[in-house]
PDB file of all heavy atoms in Angstrom:
ATOM      1  N   LEU A   1      -7.339 -17.056 -10.636  1.00  0.00           N
ATOM      2  CA  LEU A   1      -7.271 -16.103  -9.533  1.00  0.00           C
ATOM      3  C   LEU A   1      -6.037 -16.471  -8.703  1.00  0.00           C
ATOM      4  O   LEU A   1      -5.911 -17.612  -8.246  1.00  0.00           O
ATOM      5  CB  LEU A   1      -8.517 -16.249  -8.725  1.00  0.00           C
ATOM      6  CG  LEU A   1      -8.680 -15.250  -7.518  1.00  0.00           C
ATOM      7  CD1 LEU A   1      -8.679 -13.814  -8.106  1.00  0.00           C
ATOM      8  CD2 LEU A   1      -9.962 -15.508  -6.837  1.00  0.00           C
ATOM      9  N   LYS A   2      -5.154 -15.512  -8.489  1.00  0.00           N
ATOM     10  CA  LYS A   2      -3.969 -15.778  -7.729  1.00  0.00           C
ATOM     11  C   LYS A   2      -4.121 -14.989  -6.377  1.00  0.00           C
ATOM     12  O   LYS A   2      -4.737 -13.971  -6.327  1.00  0.00           O
ATOM     13  CB  LYS A   2      -2.749 -15.266  -8.416  1.00  0.00           C
ATOM     14  CG  LYS A   2      -2.520 -16.118  -9.695  1.00  0.00           C
ATOM     15  CD  LYS A   2      -1.226 -15.732 -10.318  1.00  0.00           C
ATOM     16  CE  LYS A   2      -0.979 -16.548 -11.616  1.00  0.00           C
ATOM     17  NZ  LYS A   2       0.272 -16.291 -12.214  1.00  0.00           N
ATOM     18  N   GLY A   3      -3.431 -15.525  -5.399  1.00  0.00           N
ATOM     19  CA  GLY A   3      -3.500 -14.900  -4.060  1.00  0.00           C
ATOM     20  C   GLY A   3      -4.622 -15.493  -3.246  1.00  0.00           C
ATOM     21  O   GLY A   3      -5.308 -16.411  -3.605  1.00  0.00           O
ATOM     22  N   SER A   4      -4.816 -14.889  -2.048  1.00  0.00           N
ATOM     23  CA  SER A   4      -5.847 -15.382  -1.173  1.00  0.00           C
ATOM     24  C   SER A   4      -6.905 -14.321  -0.977  1.00  0.00           C
ATOM     25  O   SER A   4      -6.725 -13.175  -1.368  1.00  0.00           O
ATOM     26  CB  SER A   4      -5.216 -15.776   0.220  1.00  0.00           C
ATOM     27  OG  SER A   4      -4.830 -14.641   0.873  1.00  0.00           O
ATOM     28  N   ALA A   5      -7.962 -14.714  -0.396  1.00  0.00           N
ATOM     29  CA  ALA A   5      -9.068 -13.798  -0.151  1.00  0.00           C
ATOM     30  C   ALA A   5      -8.555 -12.649   0.787  1.00  0.00           C
ATOM     31  O   ALA A   5      -9.017 -11.536   0.691  1.00  0.00           O
ATOM     32  CB  ALA A   5     -10.263 -14.431   0.494  1.00  0.00           C
ATOM     33  N   ALA A   6      -7.567 -12.914   1.642  1.00  0.00           N
ATOM     34  CA  ALA A   6      -7.009 -11.901   2.531  1.00  0.00           C
ATOM     35  C   ALA A   6      -6.290 -10.862   1.813  1.00  0.00           C
ATOM     36  O   ALA A   6      -6.088  -9.791   2.327  1.00  0.00           O
ATOM     37  CB  ALA A   6      -6.174 -12.590   3.599  1.00  0.00           C
ATOM     38  N   ASP A   7      -5.845 -11.197   0.606  1.00  0.00           N
ATOM     39  CA  ASP A   7      -5.041 -10.242  -0.153  1.00  0.00           C
ATOM     40  C   ASP A   7      -5.896  -9.090  -0.670  1.00  0.00           C
ATOM     41  O   ASP A   7      -5.413  -8.141  -1.240  1.00  0.00           O
ATOM     42  CB  ASP A   7      -4.302 -10.908  -1.347  1.00  0.00           C
ATOM     43  CG  ASP A   7      -3.195 -11.903  -0.890  1.00  0.00           C
ATOM     44  OD1 ASP A   7      -2.752 -11.695   0.231  1.00  0.00           O
ATOM     45  OD2 ASP A   7      -2.872 -12.773  -1.719  1.00  0.00           O
ATOM     46  N   GLY A   8      -7.233  -9.303  -0.614  1.00  0.00           N
ATOM     47  CA  GLY A   8      -8.144  -8.291  -1.053  1.00  0.00           C
ATOM     48  C   GLY A   8      -8.199  -8.114  -2.580  1.00  0.00           C
ATOM     49  O   GLY A   8      -7.855  -7.054  -3.046  1.00  0.00           O
ATOM     50  N   PRO A   9      -8.555  -9.137  -3.283  1.00  0.00           N
ATOM     51  CA  PRO A   9      -8.553  -9.020  -4.741  1.00  0.00           C
ATOM     52  C   PRO A   9      -9.642  -7.958  -5.149  1.00  0.00           C
ATOM     53  O   PRO A   9     -10.562  -7.651  -4.380  1.00  0.00           O
ATOM     54  CB  PRO A   9      -8.972 -10.364  -5.241  1.00  0.00           C
ATOM     55  CG  PRO A   9      -9.696 -11.031  -4.080  1.00  0.00           C
ATOM     56  CD  PRO A   9      -9.024 -10.448  -2.855  1.00  0.00           C
ATOM     57  N   ALA A  10      -9.473  -7.411  -6.306  1.00  0.00           N
ATOM     58  CA  ALA A  10     -10.383  -6.368  -6.791  1.00  0.00           C
ATOM     59  C   ALA A  10     -11.835  -6.884  -6.901  1.00  0.00           C
ATOM     60  O   ALA A  10     -12.749  -6.153  -6.804  1.00  0.00           O
ATOM     61  CB  ALA A  10      -9.877  -5.801  -8.145  1.00  0.00           C
ATOM     62  N   ILE A  11     -11.972  -8.172  -7.224  1.00  0.00           N
ATOM     63  CA  ILE A  11     -13.334  -8.726  -7.270  1.00  0.00           C
ATOM     64  C   ILE A  11     -13.428  -9.890  -6.317  1.00  0.00           C
ATOM     65  O   ILE A  11     -12.464 -10.571  -6.002  1.00  0.00           O
ATOM     66  CB  ILE A  11     -13.614  -9.182  -8.758  1.00  0.00           C
ATOM     67  CG1 ILE A  11     -12.555 -10.191  -9.271  1.00  0.00           C
ATOM     68  CG2 ILE A  11     -13.807  -8.076  -9.690  1.00  0.00           C
ATOM     69  CD1 ILE A  11     -12.864 -10.798 -10.561  1.00  0.00           C
ATOM     70  N   ALA A  12     -14.593 -10.030  -5.870  1.00  0.00           N
ATOM     71  CA  ALA A  12     -14.829 -11.173  -4.871  1.00  0.00           C
ATOM     72  C   ALA A  12     -14.850 -12.494  -5.627  1.00  0.00           C
ATOM     73  O   ALA A  12     -14.956 -12.574  -6.805  1.00  0.00           O
ATOM     74  CB  ALA A  12     -16.201 -10.968  -4.172  1.00  0.00           C
ATOM     75  N   ARG A  13     -14.576 -13.544  -4.856  1.00  0.00           N
ATOM     76  CA  ARG A  13     -14.647 -14.901  -5.418  1.00  0.00           C
ATOM     77  C   ARG A  13     -16.037 -15.224  -5.876  1.00  0.00           C
ATOM     78  O   ARG A  13     -16.966 -14.984  -5.100  1.00  0.00           O
ATOM     79  CB  ARG A  13     -14.077 -15.944  -4.482  1.00  0.00           C
ATOM     80  CG  ARG A  13     -12.550 -15.647  -4.190  1.00  0.00           C
ATOM     81  CD  ARG A  13     -12.046 -16.758  -3.197  1.00  0.00           C
ATOM     82  NE  ARG A  13     -10.703 -16.447  -2.933  1.00  0.00           N
ATOM     83  CZ  ARG A  13      -9.713 -16.900  -3.546  1.00  0.00           C
ATOM     84  NH1 ARG A  13      -9.838 -17.781  -4.553  1.00  0.00           N
ATOM     85  NH2 ARG A  13      -8.416 -16.634  -3.211  1.00  0.00           N
ATOM     86  N   ILE A  14     -16.149 -15.725  -7.052  1.00  0.00           N
ATOM     87  CA  ILE A  14     -17.420 -16.129  -7.619  1.00  0.00           C
ATOM     88  C   ILE A  14     -17.404 -17.551  -8.048  1.00  0.00           C
ATOM     89  O   ILE A  14     -16.418 -18.016  -8.626  1.00  0.00           O
ATOM     90  CB  ILE A  14     -17.759 -15.221  -8.826  1.00  0.00           C
ATOM     91  CG1 ILE A  14     -17.736 -13.745  -8.465  1.00  0.00           C
ATOM     92  CG2 ILE A  14     -19.095 -15.621  -9.394  1.00  0.00           C
ATOM     93  CD1 ILE A  14     -17.805 -12.828  -9.638  1.00  0.00           C
ATOM     94  N   SER A  15     -18.427 -18.282  -7.737  1.00  0.00           N
ATOM     95  CA  SER A  15     -18.446 -19.742  -8.166  1.00  0.00           C
ATOM     96  C   SER A  15     -18.564 -19.907  -9.642  1.00  0.00           C
ATOM     97  O   SER A  15     -19.089 -19.001 -10.308  1.00  0.00           O
ATOM     98  CB  SER A  15     -19.613 -20.454  -7.464  1.00  0.00           C
ATOM     99  OG  SER A  15     -20.838 -20.114  -8.080  1.00  0.00           O
ATOM    100  N   ALA A  16     -18.071 -20.985 -10.127  1.00  0.00           N
ATOM    101  CA  ALA A  16     -18.095 -21.254 -11.577  1.00  0.00           C
ATOM    102  C   ALA A  16     -19.520 -21.374 -12.036  1.00  0.00           C
ATOM    103  O   ALA A  16     -19.881 -20.899 -13.140  1.00  0.00           O
ATOM    104  CB  ALA A  16     -17.328 -22.528 -11.877  1.00  0.00           C
ATOM    105  N   ALA A  17     -20.413 -21.940 -11.212  1.00  0.00           N
ATOM    106  CA  ALA A  17     -21.831 -22.036 -11.593  1.00  0.00           C
ATOM    107  C   ALA A  17     -22.468 -20.693 -11.767  1.00  0.00           C
ATOM    108  O   ALA A  17     -23.271 -20.461 -12.755  1.00  0.00           O
ATOM    109  CB  ALA A  17     -22.588 -22.804 -10.552  1.00  0.00           C
ATOM    110  N   GLU A  18     -22.128 -19.702 -10.959  1.00  0.00           N
ATOM    111  CA  GLU A  18     -22.662 -18.304 -11.087  1.00  0.00           C
ATOM    112  C   GLU A  18     -22.126 -17.720 -12.356  1.00  0.00           C
ATOM    113  O   GLU A  18     -22.913 -17.030 -13.098  1.00  0.00           O
ATOM    114  CB  GLU A  18     -22.238 -17.471  -9.877  1.00  0.00           C
ATOM    115  CG  GLU A  18     -23.028 -17.820  -8.645  1.00  0.00           C
ATOM    116  CD  GLU A  18     -22.561 -16.930  -7.493  1.00  0.00           C
ATOM    117  OE1 GLU A  18     -21.438 -17.106  -6.920  1.00  0.00           O
ATOM    118  OE2 GLU A  18     -23.350 -16.049  -7.122  1.00  0.00           O
ATOM    119  N   ILE A  19     -20.882 -17.877 -12.617  1.00  0.00           N
ATOM    120  CA  ILE A  19     -20.294 -17.297 -13.895  1.00  0.00           C
ATOM    121  C   ILE A  19     -20.893 -17.926 -15.091  1.00  0.00           C
ATOM    122  O   ILE A  19     -21.316 -17.252 -16.011  1.00  0.00           O
ATOM    123  CB  ILE A  19     -18.760 -17.493 -13.880  1.00  0.00           C
ATOM    124  CG1 ILE A  19     -18.126 -16.648 -12.739  1.00  0.00           C
ATOM    125  CG2 ILE A  19     -18.187 -17.130 -15.284  1.00  0.00           C
ATOM    126  CD1 ILE A  19     -16.690 -16.957 -12.519  1.00  0.00           C
ATOM    127  N   GLU A  20     -21.050 -19.267 -15.109  1.00  0.00           N
ATOM    128  CA  GLU A  20     -21.652 -19.976 -16.234  1.00  0.00           C
ATOM    129  C   GLU A  20     -23.109 -19.462 -16.443  1.00  0.00           C
ATOM    130  O   GLU A  20     -23.513 -19.238 -17.579  1.00  0.00           O
ATOM    131  CB  GLU A  20     -21.639 -21.522 -16.025  1.00  0.00           C
ATOM    132  CG  GLU A  20     -20.246 -22.070 -16.098  1.00  0.00           C
ATOM    133  CD  GLU A  20     -20.197 -23.469 -15.671  1.00  0.00           C
ATOM    134  OE1 GLU A  20     -21.285 -24.109 -15.378  1.00  0.00           O
ATOM    135  OE2 GLU A  20     -19.118 -24.069 -15.712  1.00  0.00           O
ATOM    136  N   GLY A  21     -23.859 -19.361 -15.379  1.00  0.00           N
ATOM    137  CA  GLY A  21     -25.252 -18.842 -15.497  1.00  0.00           C
ATOM    138  C   GLY A  21     -25.303 -17.492 -16.093  1.00  0.00           C
ATOM    139  O   GLY A  21     -26.175 -17.199 -16.958  1.00  0.00           O
ATOM    140  N   ALA A  22     -24.374 -16.607 -15.639  1.00  0.00           N
ATOM    141  CA  ALA A  22     -24.363 -15.212 -16.148  1.00  0.00           C
ATOM    142  C   ALA A  22     -23.954 -15.232 -17.560  1.00  0.00           C
ATOM    143  O   ALA A  22     -24.502 -14.445 -18.463  1.00  0.00           O
ATOM    144  CB  ALA A  22     -23.426 -14.368 -15.276  1.00  0.00           C
ATOM    145  N   VAL A  23     -22.973 -16.038 -18.001  1.00  0.00           N
ATOM    146  CA  VAL A  23     -22.559 -16.060 -19.381  1.00  0.00           C
ATOM    147  C   VAL A  23     -23.669 -16.563 -20.280  1.00  0.00           C
ATOM    148  O   VAL A  23     -23.965 -16.005 -21.334  1.00  0.00           O
ATOM    149  CB  VAL A  23     -21.272 -16.957 -19.570  1.00  0.00           C
ATOM    150  CG1 VAL A  23     -20.937 -17.219 -21.056  1.00  0.00           C
ATOM    151  CG2 VAL A  23     -20.085 -16.293 -18.876  1.00  0.00           C
ATOM    152  N   ILE A  24     -24.355 -17.612 -19.883  1.00  0.00           N
ATOM    153  CA  ILE A  24     -25.494 -18.122 -20.660  1.00  0.00           C
ATOM    154  C   ILE A  24     -26.586 -17.032 -20.811  1.00  0.00           C
ATOM    155  O   ILE A  24     -27.111 -16.892 -21.869  1.00  0.00           O
ATOM    156  CB  ILE A  24     -26.006 -19.437 -20.013  1.00  0.00           C
ATOM    157  CG1 ILE A  24     -25.002 -20.572 -20.191  1.00  0.00           C
ATOM    158  CG2 ILE A  24     -27.333 -19.858 -20.657  1.00  0.00           C
ATOM    159  CD1 ILE A  24     -25.299 -21.830 -19.353  1.00  0.00           C
ATOM    160  N   ALA A  25     -26.882 -16.432 -19.697  1.00  0.00           N
ATOM    161  CA  ALA A  25     -27.977 -15.387 -19.811  1.00  0.00           C
ATOM    162  C   ALA A  25     -27.456 -14.260 -20.755  1.00  0.00           C
ATOM    163  O   ALA A  25     -28.278 -13.748 -21.566  1.00  0.00           O
ATOM    164  CB  ALA A  25     -28.198 -14.805 -18.400  1.00  0.00           C
ATOM    165  N   GLN A  26     -26.221 -13.902 -20.693  1.00  0.00           N
ATOM    166  CA  GLN A  26     -25.688 -12.782 -21.583  1.00  0.00           C
ATOM    167  C   GLN A  26     -25.722 -13.259 -22.956  1.00  0.00           C
ATOM    168  O   GLN A  26     -26.080 -12.503 -23.897  1.00  0.00           O
ATOM    169  CB  GLN A  26     -24.342 -12.346 -21.154  1.00  0.00           C
ATOM    170  CG  GLN A  26     -23.947 -11.023 -21.839  1.00  0.00           C
ATOM    171  CD  GLN A  26     -22.734 -10.365 -21.185  1.00  0.00           C
ATOM    172  OE1 GLN A  26     -22.113 -10.898 -20.299  1.00  0.00           O
ATOM    173  NE2 GLN A  26     -22.372  -9.205 -21.707  1.00  0.00           N
ATOM    174  N   VAL A  27     -25.324 -14.492 -23.293  1.00  0.00           N
ATOM    175  CA  VAL A  27     -25.314 -14.993 -24.696  1.00  0.00           C
ATOM    176  C   VAL A  27     -26.673 -14.986 -25.233  1.00  0.00           C
ATOM    177  O   VAL A  27     -26.979 -14.575 -26.334  1.00  0.00           O
ATOM    178  CB  VAL A  27     -24.649 -16.365 -24.739  1.00  0.00           C
ATOM    179  CG1 VAL A  27     -24.891 -17.041 -26.049  1.00  0.00           C
ATOM    180  CG2 VAL A  27     -23.136 -16.259 -24.514  1.00  0.00           C
ATOM    181  N   ARG A  28     -27.683 -15.476 -24.460  1.00  0.00           N
ATOM    182  CA  ARG A  28     -29.051 -15.578 -24.910  1.00  0.00           C
ATOM    183  C   ARG A  28     -29.581 -14.207 -25.171  1.00  0.00           C
ATOM    184  O   ARG A  28     -30.312 -13.971 -26.126  1.00  0.00           O
ATOM    185  CB  ARG A  28     -29.910 -16.240 -23.914  1.00  0.00           C
ATOM    186  CG  ARG A  28     -29.565 -17.828 -23.833  1.00  0.00           C
ATOM    187  CD  ARG A  28     -30.375 -18.498 -22.796  1.00  0.00           C
ATOM    188  NE  ARG A  28     -31.778 -18.693 -23.147  1.00  0.00           N
ATOM    189  CZ  ARG A  28     -32.649 -19.246 -22.383  1.00  0.00           C
ATOM    190  NH1 ARG A  28     -32.321 -19.725 -21.174  1.00  0.00           N
ATOM    191  NH2 ARG A  28     -33.903 -19.348 -22.766  1.00  0.00           N
ATOM    192  N   GLY A  29     -29.184 -13.222 -24.398  1.00  0.00           N
ATOM    193  CA  GLY A  29     -29.608 -11.861 -24.631  1.00  0.00           C
ATOM    194  C   GLY A  29     -28.912 -11.248 -25.871  1.00  0.00           C
ATOM    195  O   GLY A  29     -29.526 -10.547 -26.690  1.00  0.00           O
ATOM    196  N   LEU A  30     -27.623 -11.558 -26.051  1.00  0.00           N
ATOM    197  CA  LEU A  30     -26.956 -11.039 -27.253  1.00  0.00           C
ATOM    198  C   LEU A  30     -27.522 -11.598 -28.539  1.00  0.00           C
ATOM    199  O   LEU A  30     -27.506 -10.921 -29.570  1.00  0.00           O
ATOM    200  CB  LEU A  30     -25.464 -11.434 -27.172  1.00  0.00           C
ATOM    201  CG  LEU A  30     -24.591 -10.646 -26.137  1.00  0.00           C
ATOM    202  CD1 LEU A  30     -23.227 -11.272 -25.991  1.00  0.00           C
ATOM    203  CD2 LEU A  30     -24.476  -9.178 -26.557  1.00  0.00           C
ATOM    204  N   LEU A  31     -28.034 -12.813 -28.512  1.00  0.00           N
ATOM    205  CA  LEU A  31     -28.579 -13.461 -29.705  1.00  0.00           C
ATOM    206  C   LEU A  31     -29.880 -12.712 -30.147  1.00  0.00           C
ATOM    207  O   LEU A  31     -30.329 -12.911 -31.286  1.00  0.00           O
ATOM    208  CB  LEU A  31     -28.873 -14.915 -29.509  1.00  0.00           C
ATOM    209  CG  LEU A  31     -27.652 -15.775 -29.364  1.00  0.00           C
ATOM    210  CD1 LEU A  31     -28.045 -17.211 -29.093  1.00  0.00           C
ATOM    211  CD2 LEU A  31     -26.730 -15.628 -30.560  1.00  0.00           C
ATOM    212  N   ARG A  32     -30.367 -11.817 -29.342  1.00  0.00           N
ATOM    213  CA  ARG A  32     -31.575 -11.035 -29.655  1.00  0.00           C
ATOM    214  C   ARG A  32     -31.218  -9.635 -30.156  1.00  0.00           C
ATOM    215  O   ARG A  32     -32.070  -8.880 -30.574  1.00  0.00           O
ATOM    216  CB  ARG A  32     -32.513 -10.952 -28.528  1.00  0.00           C
ATOM    217  CG  ARG A  32     -33.195 -12.344 -28.218  1.00  0.00           C
ATOM    218  CD  ARG A  32     -34.291 -12.196 -27.148  1.00  0.00           C
ATOM    219  NE  ARG A  32     -33.738 -11.894 -25.821  1.00  0.00           N
ATOM    220  CZ  ARG A  32     -33.403 -12.871 -24.954  1.00  0.00           C
ATOM    221  NH1 ARG A  32     -33.556 -14.121 -25.273  1.00  0.00           N
ATOM    222  NH2 ARG A  32     -32.988 -12.621 -23.739  1.00  0.00           N
ATOM    223  N   GLN A  33     -29.898  -9.251 -30.057  1.00  0.00           N
ATOM    224  CA  GLN A  33     -29.493  -7.916 -30.436  1.00  0.00           C
ATOM    225  C   GLN A  33     -29.396  -7.813 -31.984  1.00  0.00           C
ATOM    226  O   GLN A  33     -28.780  -8.667 -32.653  1.00  0.00           O
ATOM    227  CB  GLN A  33     -28.128  -7.637 -29.862  1.00  0.00           C
ATOM    228  CG  GLN A  33     -28.122  -7.623 -28.334  1.00  0.00           C
ATOM    229  CD  GLN A  33     -28.965  -6.539 -27.785  1.00  0.00           C
ATOM    230  OE1 GLN A  33     -28.986  -5.387 -28.251  1.00  0.00           O
ATOM    231  NE2 GLN A  33     -29.739  -6.866 -26.779  1.00  0.00           N
ATOM    232  N   PRO A  34     -29.963  -6.784 -32.557  1.00  0.00           N
ATOM    233  CA  PRO A  34     -29.996  -6.664 -34.063  1.00  0.00           C
ATOM    234  C   PRO A  34     -28.599  -6.681 -34.669  1.00  0.00           C
ATOM    235  O   PRO A  34     -28.390  -7.312 -35.740  1.00  0.00           O
ATOM    236  CB  PRO A  34     -30.612  -5.300 -34.297  1.00  0.00           C
ATOM    237  CG  PRO A  34     -31.436  -5.028 -33.064  1.00  0.00           C
ATOM    238  CD  PRO A  34     -30.755  -5.719 -31.930  1.00  0.00           C
ATOM    239  N   GLU A  35     -27.582  -6.059 -34.017  1.00  0.00           N
ATOM    240  CA  GLU A  35     -26.244  -6.029 -34.644  1.00  0.00           C
ATOM    241  C   GLU A  35     -25.604  -7.402 -34.627  1.00  0.00           C
ATOM    242  O   GLU A  35     -24.869  -7.738 -35.529  1.00  0.00           O
ATOM    243  CB  GLU A  35     -25.375  -4.999 -33.960  1.00  0.00           C
ATOM    244  CG  GLU A  35     -25.126  -5.175 -32.489  1.00  0.00           C
ATOM    245  CD  GLU A  35     -26.233  -4.574 -31.582  1.00  0.00           C
ATOM    246  OE1 GLU A  35     -27.214  -4.161 -32.073  1.00  0.00           O
ATOM    247  OE2 GLU A  35     -25.946  -4.534 -30.388  1.00  0.00           O
ATOM    248  N   VAL A  36     -25.930  -8.229 -33.580  1.00  0.00           N
ATOM    249  CA  VAL A  36     -25.362  -9.529 -33.536  1.00  0.00           C
ATOM    250  C   VAL A  36     -25.997 -10.452 -34.550  1.00  0.00           C
ATOM    251  O   VAL A  36     -25.366 -11.197 -35.215  1.00  0.00           O
ATOM    252  CB  VAL A  36     -25.596 -10.134 -32.057  1.00  0.00           C
ATOM    253  CG1 VAL A  36     -25.136 -11.622 -32.024  1.00  0.00           C
ATOM    254  CG2 VAL A  36     -24.772  -9.366 -31.139  1.00  0.00           C
ATOM    255  N   VAL A  37     -27.354 -10.310 -34.675  1.00  0.00           N
ATOM    256  CA  VAL A  37     -28.052 -11.055 -35.712  1.00  0.00           C
ATOM    257  C   VAL A  37     -27.606 -10.713 -37.118  1.00  0.00           C
ATOM    258  O   VAL A  37     -27.376 -11.595 -37.932  1.00  0.00           O
ATOM    259  CB  VAL A  37     -29.543 -10.829 -35.577  1.00  0.00           C
ATOM    260  CG1 VAL A  37     -30.344 -11.475 -36.722  1.00  0.00           C
ATOM    261  CG2 VAL A  37     -30.111 -11.343 -34.266  1.00  0.00           C
ATOM    262  N   LEU A  38     -27.381  -9.433 -37.381  1.00  0.00           N
ATOM    263  CA  LEU A  38     -26.866  -9.023 -38.679  1.00  0.00           C
ATOM    264  C   LEU A  38     -25.465  -9.564 -38.960  1.00  0.00           C
ATOM    265  O   LEU A  38     -25.187 -10.049 -40.056  1.00  0.00           O
ATOM    266  CB  LEU A  38     -26.848  -7.468 -38.760  1.00  0.00           C
ATOM    267  CG  LEU A  38     -26.443  -6.902 -40.111  1.00  0.00           C
ATOM    268  CD1 LEU A  38     -27.341  -7.318 -41.254  1.00  0.00           C
ATOM    269  CD2 LEU A  38     -26.328  -5.365 -39.994  1.00  0.00           C
ATOM    270  N   GLY A  39     -24.602  -9.548 -37.941  1.00  0.00           N
ATOM    271  CA  GLY A  39     -23.290 -10.130 -38.134  1.00  0.00           C
ATOM    272  C   GLY A  39     -23.343 -11.634 -38.352  1.00  0.00           C
ATOM    273  O   GLY A  39     -22.591 -12.121 -39.238  1.00  0.00           O
ATOM    274  N   ALA A  40     -24.222 -12.310 -37.690  1.00  0.00           N
ATOM    275  CA  ALA A  40     -24.394 -13.750 -37.952  1.00  0.00           C
ATOM    276  C   ALA A  40     -24.806 -14.014 -39.356  1.00  0.00           C
ATOM    277  O   ALA A  40     -24.389 -14.884 -40.022  1.00  0.00           O
ATOM    278  CB  ALA A  40     -25.381 -14.373 -36.897  1.00  0.00           C
ATOM    279  N   TRP A  41     -25.793 -13.245 -39.822  1.00  0.00           N
ATOM    280  CA  TRP A  41     -26.323 -13.434 -41.194  1.00  0.00           C
ATOM    281  C   TRP A  41     -25.198 -13.114 -42.193  1.00  0.00           C
ATOM    282  O   TRP A  41     -24.992 -13.925 -43.164  1.00  0.00           O
ATOM    283  CB  TRP A  41     -27.492 -12.472 -41.435  1.00  0.00           C
ATOM    284  CG  TRP A  41     -27.930 -12.465 -42.874  1.00  0.00           C
ATOM    285  CD1 TRP A  41     -28.480 -13.517 -43.577  1.00  0.00           C
ATOM    286  CD2 TRP A  41     -27.777 -11.432 -43.821  1.00  0.00           C
ATOM    287  NE1 TRP A  41     -28.684 -13.131 -44.855  1.00  0.00           N
ATOM    288  CE2 TRP A  41     -28.257 -11.827 -45.034  1.00  0.00           C
ATOM    289  CE3 TRP A  41     -27.285 -10.088 -43.654  1.00  0.00           C
ATOM    290  CZ2 TRP A  41     -28.275 -11.010 -46.170  1.00  0.00           C
ATOM    291  CZ3 TRP A  41     -27.277  -9.265 -44.824  1.00  0.00           C
ATOM    292  CH2 TRP A  41     -27.781  -9.786 -46.049  1.00  0.00           C
ATOM    293  N   ARG A  42     -24.486 -12.088 -42.040  1.00  0.00           N
ATOM    294  CA  ARG A  42     -23.338 -11.751 -42.919  1.00  0.00           C
ATOM    295  C   ARG A  42     -22.354 -12.917 -42.984  1.00  0.00           C
ATOM    296  O   ARG A  42     -21.836 -13.254 -44.028  1.00  0.00           O
ATOM    297  CB  ARG A  42     -22.715 -10.440 -42.597  1.00  0.00           C
ATOM    298  CG  ARG A  42     -23.567  -9.221 -42.940  1.00  0.00           C
ATOM    299  CD  ARG A  42     -22.881  -7.987 -42.530  1.00  0.00           C
ATOM    300  NE  ARG A  42     -23.721  -6.849 -42.986  1.00  0.00           N
ATOM    301  CZ  ARG A  42     -23.622  -5.626 -42.445  1.00  0.00           C
ATOM    302  NH1 ARG A  42     -22.707  -5.354 -41.497  1.00  0.00           N
ATOM    303  NH2 ARG A  42     -24.387  -4.634 -42.891  1.00  0.00           N
ATOM    304  N   ALA A  43     -22.011 -13.430 -41.843  1.00  0.00           N
ATOM    305  CA  ALA A  43     -21.029 -14.469 -41.766  1.00  0.00           C
ATOM    306  C   ALA A  43     -21.592 -15.784 -42.361  1.00  0.00           C
ATOM    307  O   ALA A  43     -20.856 -16.560 -43.034  1.00  0.00           O
ATOM    308  CB  ALA A  43     -20.588 -14.713 -40.329  1.00  0.00           C
TER     309      ALA A  43
END
């Protein structure tokens, strides 16, 4: 992220812990998606 909060970035500053938690939740959800499971099996 470049610039300061005063520059008004398009997205607010988010802590790394929040991002990591969201990524983990999304990955766990993706592992239940049929198309992801099928792709894993094929690979």
